[in-house]
Protein backbone atom coordinates (compact mmCIF):
# COMPACT_ATOMS: atom_id res chain seq x y z
CA MET A 1 29.63 0.90 -7.64
CA ASN A 2 28.02 -2.07 -9.40
CA ARG A 3 24.66 -0.60 -10.43
CA LEU A 4 23.08 -3.91 -11.42
CA LEU A 5 24.01 -5.62 -8.14
CA LEU A 6 22.72 -2.62 -6.21
CA LEU A 7 19.42 -2.74 -8.10
CA ILE A 8 19.01 -6.46 -7.42
CA ILE A 9 19.75 -6.21 -3.71
CA LEU A 10 17.51 -3.15 -3.27
CA SER A 11 14.70 -5.02 -5.06
CA VAL A 12 15.14 -8.09 -2.85
CA THR A 13 15.18 -5.92 0.29
CA THR A 14 12.05 -4.05 -0.79
CA PHE A 15 10.28 -7.30 -1.60
CA MET A 16 11.14 -8.66 1.85
CA ILE A 17 9.72 -5.57 3.60
CA ILE A 18 6.44 -5.42 1.69
CA LEU A 19 6.00 -9.18 1.81
CA ASP A 20 6.36 -9.07 5.59
CA TYR A 21 3.55 -6.50 5.76
CA SER A 22 1.10 -8.60 3.73
CA VAL A 23 2.18 -12.14 4.69
CA ALA A 24 0.75 -11.80 8.21
CA ASN A 25 -2.77 -10.93 7.02
CA VAL A 26 -3.88 -14.52 6.41
CA SER A 27 -1.91 -15.86 9.39
CA ILE A 28 -3.84 -13.96 12.07
CA PRO A 29 -6.16 -16.90 12.95
CA TYR A 30 -3.12 -19.17 13.42
CA ILE A 31 -1.29 -16.55 15.52
CA ALA A 32 -4.38 -15.91 17.62
CA GLY A 33 -4.87 -19.62 18.25
CA ALA A 34 -1.23 -20.20 19.19
CA LEU A 35 -1.18 -17.26 21.62
CA SER A 36 -4.66 -18.00 23.04
CA VAL A 37 -6.29 -14.72 22.03
CA SER A 38 -9.27 -13.82 19.84
CA VAL A 39 -8.88 -13.08 16.13
CA ASP A 40 -9.94 -9.46 16.79
CA GLN A 41 -7.07 -9.09 19.25
CA GLY A 42 -4.75 -10.77 16.76
CA THR A 43 -5.32 -7.99 14.22
CA TYR A 44 -3.17 -5.73 16.40
CA VAL A 45 -0.23 -7.64 14.91
CA ILE A 46 -1.04 -5.93 11.60
CA THR A 47 -1.99 -2.58 13.12
CA SER A 48 1.18 -2.24 15.18
CA PHE A 49 3.43 -2.85 12.16
CA ALA A 50 1.46 -0.36 10.05
CA VAL A 51 1.70 2.34 12.72
CA GLY A 52 5.44 1.87 13.19
CA ASN A 53 6.07 1.72 9.45
CA ALA A 54 4.19 4.94 8.72
CA ILE A 55 6.15 6.76 11.44
CA GLY A 56 9.46 5.43 10.12
CA LEU A 57 8.56 6.50 6.57
CA ALA A 58 7.80 10.05 7.65
CA LEU A 59 11.09 10.31 9.59
CA THR A 60 13.24 9.03 6.72
CA GLY A 61 14.35 12.42 5.42
CA MET A 62 15.38 13.77 8.82
CA LEU A 63 17.24 10.60 9.83
CA SER A 64 19.06 10.42 6.49
CA GLN A 65 20.25 14.00 6.72
CA TYR A 66 21.50 13.49 10.27
CA PHE A 67 23.17 10.07 9.99
CA GLY A 68 23.67 9.60 6.25
CA GLN A 69 21.56 7.61 3.79
CA ALA A 70 23.80 4.54 3.48
CA ARG A 71 24.27 4.20 7.23
CA ILE A 72 20.51 4.43 7.89
CA MET A 73 19.81 1.90 5.15
CA ILE A 74 22.19 -0.74 6.52
CA VAL A 75 21.13 -0.21 10.14
CA SER A 76 17.44 -0.40 9.15
CA VAL A 77 17.88 -3.73 7.35
CA PHE A 78 19.89 -5.09 10.29
CA LEU A 79 17.27 -4.06 12.86
CA PHE A 80 14.43 -5.33 10.68
CA THR A 81 16.14 -8.72 10.51
CA LEU A 82 16.77 -8.73 14.26
CA PHE A 83 13.16 -7.93 15.11
CA SER A 84 11.94 -10.53 12.62
CA TRP A 85 13.67 -13.03 14.90
CA THR A 86 12.18 -11.53 18.09
CA CYS A 87 8.71 -11.60 16.48
CA GLY A 88 9.14 -15.29 15.71
CA ILE A 89 10.07 -16.17 19.30
CA SER A 90 7.37 -14.00 20.92
CA TRP A 91 5.54 -15.92 23.67
CA SER A 92 2.55 -13.59 24.12
CA LEU A 93 0.45 -11.20 22.07
CA GLU A 94 1.77 -8.18 23.97
CA VAL A 95 5.39 -9.08 23.20
CA LEU A 96 4.57 -9.80 19.55
CA VAL A 97 2.71 -6.50 19.10
CA LEU A 98 5.62 -4.55 20.63
CA ASN A 99 8.14 -6.31 18.40
CA ARG A 100 5.98 -5.77 15.33
CA PHE A 101 5.72 -2.04 16.07
CA ILE A 102 9.51 -1.73 16.34
CA GLN A 103 9.97 -3.91 13.25
CA GLY A 104 7.69 -1.60 11.25
CA LEU A 105 9.40 1.50 12.64
CA VAL A 106 12.93 0.41 11.68
CA ALA A 107 11.72 -0.79 8.26
CA GLY A 108 10.28 2.63 7.42
CA PRO A 109 13.36 4.18 5.75
CA ILE A 110 14.17 1.14 3.58
CA ILE A 111 11.71 1.65 0.72
CA PRO A 112 12.16 5.42 0.20
CA LEU A 113 15.95 5.12 0.51
CA SER A 114 15.94 2.28 -2.03
CA GLN A 115 14.18 4.57 -4.48
CA SER A 116 16.64 7.38 -3.73
CA PHE A 117 19.64 5.12 -4.35
CA ILE A 118 18.21 3.91 -7.68
CA VAL A 119 17.84 7.53 -8.79
CA GLN A 120 21.23 8.65 -7.50
CA TYR A 121 23.33 5.77 -8.84
CA GLY A 122 21.49 5.31 -12.12
CA THR A 123 21.85 7.27 -15.33
CA GLU A 124 19.27 9.09 -17.42
CA GLU A 125 19.18 6.10 -19.78
CA THR A 126 18.75 3.44 -17.08
CA ARG A 127 16.67 5.27 -14.46
CA ALA A 128 13.23 4.58 -15.96
CA LYS A 129 14.05 0.91 -16.51
CA ASP A 130 15.46 0.48 -13.00
CA LEU A 131 12.50 2.23 -11.34
CA SER A 132 10.10 0.12 -13.38
CA LEU A 133 11.68 -3.15 -12.27
CA TRP A 134 11.88 -2.03 -8.66
CA SER A 135 8.32 -0.66 -8.69
CA ASN A 136 6.83 -3.96 -9.77
CA ILE A 137 8.19 -5.40 -6.54
CA ILE A 138 5.86 -3.07 -4.60
CA ILE A 139 2.88 -4.33 -6.59
CA GLY A 140 3.84 -8.02 -6.66
CA ALA A 141 4.64 -8.54 -2.98
CA PRO A 142 1.05 -7.99 -1.70
CA VAL A 143 -0.13 -10.63 -4.18
CA VAL A 144 2.50 -13.21 -3.14
CA GLY A 145 2.23 -12.43 0.57
CA PRO A 146 -1.18 -14.02 1.35
CA LEU A 147 -0.30 -17.15 -0.65
CA LEU A 148 3.01 -17.62 1.16
CA GLY A 149 1.55 -16.75 4.55
CA GLY A 150 -1.26 -19.24 4.14
CA TYR A 151 1.13 -22.01 3.07
CA LEU A 152 3.62 -21.45 5.91
CA SER A 153 0.92 -21.17 8.57
CA GLU A 154 -1.04 -24.19 7.34
CA TRP A 155 1.82 -26.61 6.68
CA HIS A 156 4.56 -25.40 9.02
CA SER A 157 4.15 -22.76 11.72
CA TRP A 158 3.15 -19.09 11.85
CA THR A 159 6.61 -18.29 13.26
CA TRP A 160 8.12 -19.01 9.84
CA ILE A 161 6.45 -15.94 8.33
CA PHE A 162 9.06 -14.03 10.37
CA PHE A 163 11.96 -16.46 10.37
CA ILE A 164 12.16 -16.51 6.54
CA ASN A 165 13.36 -12.89 6.72
CA ILE A 166 16.52 -13.78 8.64
CA PRO A 167 18.70 -15.44 5.95
CA VAL A 168 17.53 -12.96 3.31
CA GLY A 169 18.19 -10.02 5.63
CA LEU A 170 21.70 -11.19 6.54
CA ILE A 171 22.66 -11.57 2.87
CA CYS A 172 21.27 -8.11 2.07
CA ILE A 173 23.19 -6.55 4.97
CA ALA A 174 26.49 -8.05 3.82
CA ILE A 175 26.08 -6.94 0.20
CA LEU A 176 24.84 -3.44 1.11
CA TRP A 177 27.78 -2.94 3.47
CA ALA A 178 30.21 -3.99 0.75
CA LEU A 179 28.58 -1.75 -1.88
CA PHE A 180 28.27 1.38 0.24
CA ARG A 181 31.79 1.47 1.71
CA GLY A 182 33.13 4.89 0.80
CA HIS A 183 29.84 6.03 -0.71
CA GLU A 184 28.15 7.73 2.24
CA SER A 185 25.94 10.72 1.43
CA LYS A 186 26.55 14.22 2.71
CA ARG A 187 25.34 14.68 6.27
CA THR A 188 23.48 17.79 7.35
CA PRO A 189 23.23 18.39 11.11
CA VAL A 190 19.55 18.99 11.87
CA LYS A 191 17.85 19.35 15.20
CA PRO A 192 14.88 16.95 15.29
CA SER A 193 11.55 18.32 16.46
CA ILE A 194 10.49 16.32 19.52
CA TRP A 195 7.01 17.83 19.37
CA GLY A 196 6.76 16.95 15.69
CA ILE A 197 7.73 13.33 16.34
CA MET A 198 5.23 13.09 19.21
CA LEU A 199 2.44 14.53 17.03
CA LEU A 200 3.34 12.08 14.27
CA VAL A 201 3.18 9.10 16.64
CA ILE A 202 -0.16 10.22 18.10
CA GLY A 203 -1.69 11.06 14.73
CA VAL A 204 -0.67 7.85 12.96
CA SER A 205 -1.59 5.64 15.93
CA CYS A 206 -5.04 7.20 16.32
CA LEU A 207 -5.70 7.06 12.57
CA GLN A 208 -4.67 3.43 12.19
CA ILE A 209 -6.73 2.20 15.15
CA PHE A 210 -9.65 4.35 13.96
CA LEU A 211 -9.49 2.67 10.54
CA ASP A 212 -8.93 -0.86 11.82
CA LYS A 213 -11.64 -0.86 14.50
CA GLY A 214 -14.20 1.53 13.00
CA GLN A 215 -16.42 -1.13 11.45
CA GLN A 216 -16.10 -3.41 14.49
CA TRP A 217 -17.03 -0.59 16.90
CA ASP A 218 -19.87 0.70 14.66
CA TRP A 219 -18.07 3.90 13.69
CA TRP A 220 -19.65 7.10 15.03
CA ARG A 221 -21.87 5.31 17.53
CA SER A 222 -18.72 4.56 19.54
CA ASP A 223 -17.21 7.08 21.95
CA LEU A 224 -13.76 5.56 21.34
CA ILE A 225 -14.08 6.23 17.60
CA TRP A 226 -14.89 9.88 18.32
CA ILE A 227 -11.85 10.18 20.62
CA LEU A 228 -9.58 8.63 17.98
CA ALA A 229 -11.01 10.87 15.25
CA VAL A 230 -10.46 14.02 17.32
CA GLY A 231 -6.94 12.88 18.23
CA THR A 232 -6.14 12.25 14.56
CA PHE A 233 -7.51 15.65 13.49
CA ILE A 234 -5.68 17.64 16.18
CA ALA A 235 -2.35 15.83 15.71
CA PHE A 236 -2.29 16.14 11.92
CA THR A 237 -3.49 19.76 12.01
CA PHE A 238 -0.58 20.85 14.20
CA LEU A 239 1.76 18.57 12.25
CA GLY A 240 0.62 20.25 9.03
CA ILE A 241 1.23 23.72 10.48
CA GLN A 242 4.71 22.69 11.56
CA GLY A 243 5.37 21.09 8.16
CA LEU A 244 4.50 24.31 6.33
CA PHE A 245 5.97 26.97 8.60
CA GLY A 246 8.28 25.32 11.16
CA GLN A 247 12.05 24.87 11.17
CA ASN A 248 13.27 21.33 10.45
CA PRO A 249 9.71 19.96 10.12
CA THR A 250 9.00 16.31 10.78
CA MET A 251 6.96 16.19 7.54
CA PRO A 252 8.28 18.76 5.01
CA LEU A 253 4.95 19.68 3.42
CA ARG A 254 6.63 22.56 1.54
CA LEU A 255 7.31 19.96 -1.13
CA PHE A 256 3.64 20.19 -2.08
CA LYS A 257 4.44 23.59 -3.58
CA ILE A 258 6.02 21.60 -6.43
CA PRO A 259 3.08 20.83 -8.79
CA SER A 260 4.49 17.55 -10.09
CA PHE A 261 5.08 16.24 -6.55
CA ALA A 262 1.59 17.29 -5.42
CA LEU A 263 -0.02 15.65 -8.46
CA ALA A 264 1.92 12.40 -7.95
CA VAL A 265 0.80 12.17 -4.31
CA ILE A 266 -2.84 12.98 -5.17
CA ALA A 267 -2.87 10.30 -7.88
CA LEU A 268 -1.24 7.83 -5.48
CA VAL A 269 -3.72 8.56 -2.68
CA ILE A 270 -6.73 7.93 -4.92
CA SER A 271 -5.43 4.94 -6.86
CA TYR A 272 -3.48 3.05 -4.18
CA GLY A 273 -6.34 3.30 -1.71
CA MET A 274 -8.65 1.67 -4.27
CA TYR A 275 -6.06 -0.95 -5.20
CA PHE A 276 -5.36 -2.08 -1.65
CA GLY A 277 -9.02 -1.97 -0.68
CA ILE A 278 -10.10 -4.21 -3.56
CA VAL A 279 -7.14 -6.57 -2.97
CA VAL A 280 -8.57 -7.23 0.50
CA VAL A 281 -12.28 -7.32 -0.41
CA VAL A 282 -12.21 -9.62 -3.48
CA PRO A 283 -10.72 -12.67 -1.64
CA LEU A 284 -13.09 -11.95 1.26
CA TRP A 285 -16.08 -12.00 -1.12
CA LEU A 286 -14.90 -15.16 -2.87
CA GLN A 287 -14.41 -17.11 0.36
CA GLN A 288 -17.45 -15.92 2.30
CA TYR A 289 -20.08 -15.82 -0.43
CA MET A 290 -18.85 -17.66 -3.53
CA GLY A 291 -17.71 -20.90 -1.90
CA TYR A 292 -14.01 -20.56 -2.73
CA THR A 293 -11.31 -22.03 -0.51
CA ALA A 294 -8.33 -19.89 0.45
CA ASP A 295 -6.20 -21.62 -2.21
CA TRP A 296 -8.68 -21.04 -5.03
CA ALA A 297 -9.35 -17.46 -3.95
CA GLY A 298 -5.62 -16.81 -4.03
CA ALA A 299 -5.36 -18.41 -7.47
CA ALA A 300 -8.19 -16.23 -8.79
CA VAL A 301 -6.60 -12.97 -7.68
CA CYS A 302 -2.95 -13.80 -8.30
CA THR A 303 -3.47 -13.31 -12.07
CA LEU A 304 -3.09 -9.67 -11.10
CA GLY A 305 0.68 -10.17 -11.16
CA ILE A 306 1.02 -11.87 -14.55
CA GLY A 307 1.15 -8.67 -16.61
CA PRO A 308 3.73 -6.86 -14.46
CA LEU A 309 5.85 -10.03 -14.21
CA PHE A 310 6.22 -10.57 -17.95
CA LEU A 311 5.69 -7.11 -19.47
CA SER A 312 7.42 -4.76 -17.03
CA GLN A 313 10.18 -4.10 -19.58
CA LEU A 314 7.65 -2.06 -21.57
CA THR A 315 7.36 0.56 -18.82
CA PRO A 316 10.65 2.44 -19.40
CA LYS A 317 9.98 2.51 -23.14
CA MET A 318 6.55 4.05 -22.56
CA MET A 319 7.92 6.54 -20.03
CA ASN A 320 10.71 7.61 -22.37
CA SER A 321 8.38 7.87 -25.38
CA TRP A 322 5.25 9.31 -23.81
CA GLY A 323 6.34 10.87 -20.52
CA ASN A 324 5.28 10.18 -16.94
CA VAL A 325 1.73 11.55 -17.00
CA PRO A 326 0.54 9.91 -20.27
CA THR A 327 2.03 6.59 -19.12
CA PHE A 328 0.08 6.76 -15.87
CA ILE A 329 -3.09 7.68 -17.77
CA GLY A 330 -2.61 4.44 -19.72
CA SER A 331 -2.56 2.47 -16.46
CA ALA A 332 -5.71 4.22 -15.22
CA VAL A 333 -7.49 3.28 -18.46
CA PHE A 334 -6.78 -0.42 -17.87
CA PHE A 335 -7.94 -0.09 -14.25
CA MET A 336 -11.19 1.52 -15.39
CA ILE A 337 -11.83 -1.12 -18.09
CA SER A 338 -11.34 -3.91 -15.55
CA CYS A 339 -13.77 -2.28 -13.11
CA VAL A 340 -16.43 -1.74 -15.78
CA TYR A 341 -16.05 -5.38 -16.84
CA ALA A 342 -16.39 -6.64 -13.24
CA PHE A 343 -19.42 -4.41 -12.68
CA PHE A 344 -21.49 -6.79 -14.84
CA PHE A 345 -20.63 -9.89 -12.80
CA THR A 346 -23.50 -11.98 -11.45
CA THR A 347 -23.57 -14.77 -8.90
CA GLN A 348 -23.07 -17.18 -11.80
CA VAL A 349 -19.63 -15.77 -12.62
CA ASP A 350 -16.99 -18.46 -12.96
CA PHE A 351 -13.31 -18.67 -12.06
CA PHE A 352 -12.15 -17.75 -15.56
CA HIS A 353 -13.96 -14.39 -15.69
CA ILE A 354 -12.88 -13.43 -12.18
CA ALA A 355 -9.26 -14.25 -13.03
CA LEU A 356 -9.58 -12.40 -16.36
CA ALA A 357 -10.84 -9.25 -14.62
CA ARG A 358 -7.91 -9.38 -12.21
CA PHE A 359 -5.53 -9.97 -15.13
CA VAL A 360 -6.80 -6.87 -16.97
CA PHE A 361 -6.51 -4.89 -13.74
CA GLY A 362 -2.93 -6.14 -13.43
CA LEU A 363 -2.09 -4.84 -16.91
CA GLY A 364 -2.51 -1.37 -15.47
CA PHE A 365 0.31 -2.06 -13.03
CA ILE A 366 2.75 -2.35 -15.91
CA CYS A 367 2.77 1.44 -16.09
CA TYR A 368 1.48 2.49 -12.66
CA ILE A 369 3.95 3.05 -9.82
CA ALA A 370 7.08 3.84 -11.87
CA PRO A 371 5.69 6.96 -13.62
CA LEU A 372 4.22 8.22 -10.34
CA GLN A 373 7.56 7.79 -8.57
CA SER A 374 9.37 9.48 -11.43
CA LEU A 375 6.83 12.33 -11.45
CA CYS A 376 7.19 12.65 -7.68
CA ILE A 377 10.92 13.46 -7.89
CA GLU A 378 10.86 15.18 -11.29
CA LYS A 379 11.44 18.71 -9.95
CA VAL A 380 12.86 17.83 -6.51
CA ALA A 381 16.41 18.86 -5.59
CA ALA A 382 18.89 16.05 -4.86
CA LEU A 383 19.15 17.03 -1.19
CA ASP A 384 15.38 16.68 -0.79
CA LEU A 385 15.13 13.26 -2.43
CA PRO A 386 14.87 11.31 0.88
CA ASN A 387 12.19 13.76 2.08
CA ALA A 388 10.21 13.47 -1.15
CA THR A 389 10.39 9.68 -1.39
CA GLY A 390 9.70 9.35 2.34
CA LEU A 391 6.54 11.46 2.09
CA PHE A 392 5.44 9.64 -1.07
CA HIS A 393 5.70 6.23 0.57
CA PHE A 394 4.23 7.56 3.83
CA PHE A 395 1.03 8.36 1.97
CA ARG A 396 1.22 4.99 0.22
CA ALA A 397 1.38 3.22 3.60
CA ILE A 398 -1.42 5.33 5.06
CA MET A 399 -3.68 4.76 2.05
CA ALA A 400 -3.30 0.99 2.40
CA GLY A 401 -5.12 1.25 5.73
CA VAL A 402 -7.56 3.90 4.54
CA GLY A 403 -8.49 1.96 1.41
CA THR A 404 -8.95 -1.29 3.30
CA SER A 405 -11.18 0.35 5.91
CA ILE A 406 -13.32 2.26 3.41
CA PHE A 407 -13.83 -0.69 1.07
CA THR A 408 -14.61 -3.24 3.78
CA THR A 409 -17.09 -0.80 5.34
CA ILE A 410 -18.81 -0.04 2.03
CA PHE A 411 -18.92 -3.74 1.18
CA ALA A 412 -20.48 -4.66 4.54
CA ARG A 413 -23.05 -1.88 4.49
CA ARG A 414 -24.04 -2.24 0.84
CA THR A 415 -24.46 -5.98 1.40
CA ILE A 416 -26.90 -5.26 4.25
CA PHE A 417 -28.68 -2.63 2.13
CA HIS A 418 -29.19 -4.94 -0.86
CA HIS A 419 -30.19 -7.87 1.37
CA GLU A 420 -32.93 -5.79 2.97
CA ARG A 421 -34.13 -4.28 -0.31
CA VAL A 422 -34.30 -7.55 -2.25
CA GLY A 423 -35.52 -9.60 0.70
CA SER A 424 -38.45 -7.28 1.45
CA ALA A 425 -39.77 -7.88 -2.06
CA VAL A 426 -39.80 -11.69 -1.96
CA THR A 427 -40.10 -13.02 1.58
CA ARG A 428 -43.85 -12.40 1.82
CA TRP A 429 -44.45 -15.01 -0.88
CA LEU A 430 -42.74 -17.89 0.99
CA PRO A 431 -44.92 -20.25 3.04
CA ASP A 432 -42.60 -21.73 5.68
CA GLU A 433 -39.45 -21.16 7.71
CA GLY A 434 -37.45 -23.75 5.78
CA SER A 435 -38.02 -21.87 2.57
CA LEU A 436 -37.03 -18.63 4.29
CA SER A 437 -33.76 -20.18 5.45
CA LEU A 438 -32.86 -21.31 1.94
CA LEU A 439 -33.86 -17.93 0.55
CA ASN A 440 -31.73 -16.13 3.11
CA ASP A 441 -28.61 -17.97 1.96
CA ALA A 442 -29.37 -17.04 -1.65
CA LEU A 443 -30.05 -13.45 -0.65
CA ASP A 444 -26.73 -13.23 1.20
CA ARG A 445 -24.89 -14.28 -1.94
CA GLN A 446 -26.90 -11.99 -4.22
CA ALA A 447 -26.56 -9.00 -1.88
CA ALA A 448 -22.78 -9.48 -1.65
CA MET A 449 -22.57 -9.63 -5.44
CA LEU A 450 -24.54 -6.39 -5.79
CA ALA A 451 -22.26 -4.78 -3.18
CA MET A 452 -19.22 -5.82 -5.22
CA ASN A 453 -20.88 -4.35 -8.32
CA ASP A 454 -21.29 -1.07 -6.44
CA LEU A 455 -17.60 -1.06 -5.48
CA PHE A 456 -16.44 -1.70 -9.04
CA TRP A 457 -18.76 1.00 -10.38
CA LEU A 458 -17.42 3.49 -7.82
CA MET A 459 -13.84 2.59 -8.75
CA ALA A 460 -14.55 3.01 -12.46
CA TRP A 461 -15.80 6.55 -11.92
CA LEU A 462 -12.90 7.44 -9.62
CA PHE A 463 -10.37 6.21 -12.18
CA ALA A 464 -12.21 8.20 -14.85
CA ALA A 465 -11.94 11.30 -12.65
CA LEU A 466 -8.24 10.61 -12.17
CA ILE A 467 -7.76 10.39 -15.93
CA VAL A 468 -9.45 13.79 -16.32
CA ILE A 469 -7.27 15.37 -13.59
CA MET A 470 -4.07 14.04 -15.14
CA GLY A 471 -5.24 15.12 -18.59
CA ILE A 472 -5.89 18.68 -17.37
CA TYR A 473 -2.42 18.81 -15.78
CA LEU A 474 -0.84 17.55 -19.00
CA PHE A 475 -2.72 20.14 -21.05
CA ILE A 476 -1.75 23.01 -18.73
CA THR A 477 1.89 21.87 -18.68
CA LYS A 478 2.12 21.68 -22.46
CA MET A 479 0.43 25.06 -22.85
CA GLY A 480 2.92 26.55 -20.39
CA VAL A 481 5.90 25.04 -22.21
CA SER A 482 4.52 26.22 -25.56
CA TYR A 483 3.97 29.76 -24.22
CA ALA A 484 7.47 29.87 -22.70
CA HIS A 485 8.96 28.70 -26.01
CA LYS A 486 7.15 31.41 -27.97
CA THR A 487 8.17 34.07 -25.43
CA ASN A 488 11.82 33.09 -25.59
CA ASN A 489 11.77 33.23 -29.38
């Protein structure tokens, strides 16, 4: 098999999937207007895809064992392309939401299987380099997505955010079919757990709606939020019990007995949640409070991708020289430096310093996902690779929603807190309502800036904690290896 061609086509396919997830975010107002619904209703276009995608990710291992990895990969890309077309021709919100759910569901296996194929068909010498190149796709697509979605929706039509997948998908299908002829993986007949699948659907659906609508419905003051929270807890509790003790579990949580896998997922949960949350909040802050247009806000944050784009070739060298954990610690250091730098921003901050902070943050992505993915599968048997990569990317997909919800909630509430605290100290000195109106606008901007400072400070401490956790693991691992070496001698 042509390894380089396989790597290219897997990278293109992965980019298409992740781009499709993020490209719709800025197009919701256009979709809502075209389908005559509110913007709040339009957000279900994002929610439905996220729910379906998370379910598909969790089912990847079971489906691959039953049907074969190559077959599932080709069918998934074909169905994703088909439902991209049906999304584009949807005539109502209900039809679009249904198509988006199915599109996300069938796209689920593509990313974890792409990672599995890179590992299986690569060599020890090329694996780190291949994973590094492929991993930067995961980071770069969410940056490109909003820019492309805004352009297509503004200058053409929102339907093109789906139609652009069709030619790319057809080319990918043809090349994948040609490459995988005669290379199907070993199939293992497994009996799927219907109860497990039902629990997964209920749990993911309740969690995603809980996260998406929590702030809008005022969190725990809403009876619907309580119902969703209880549904999420019950579903994932029973799903966890089945994953640990059941036969043919829907989510094979036994993999968490492998320390390197557990550490990789923990690091991913903490870091990816912060990354995705701040990717959403920074453009929101720039447009609502700093007077930026969508184009300029996108330009300010897109510097995030400069480092990974031009310096990704350094990642395999660092992984081979330092190892997975030290390489990831290096990325966390850059993340922390960027957050500390942004913590000192004021309302007078200019475009250059905002872009510089995002650029420094992006330097961390040079050595971020690849070492975590490599650490995730470090001690995993070949037969469990689809399960391990599926679980890894399931948590990545879930944390995108969790991070967005937590950060937008903190930002909104800290903005209100700072507005009230600062405003109470100055409003009594103003003589008339006109002055109060002008002051209120200034207070809104100042309060939002202080809220952003709080978020960056929180992130800096969380990244510092992550560095400590990874350092402790590295120390324990080296002590264990040293002790084993002395014992054997």
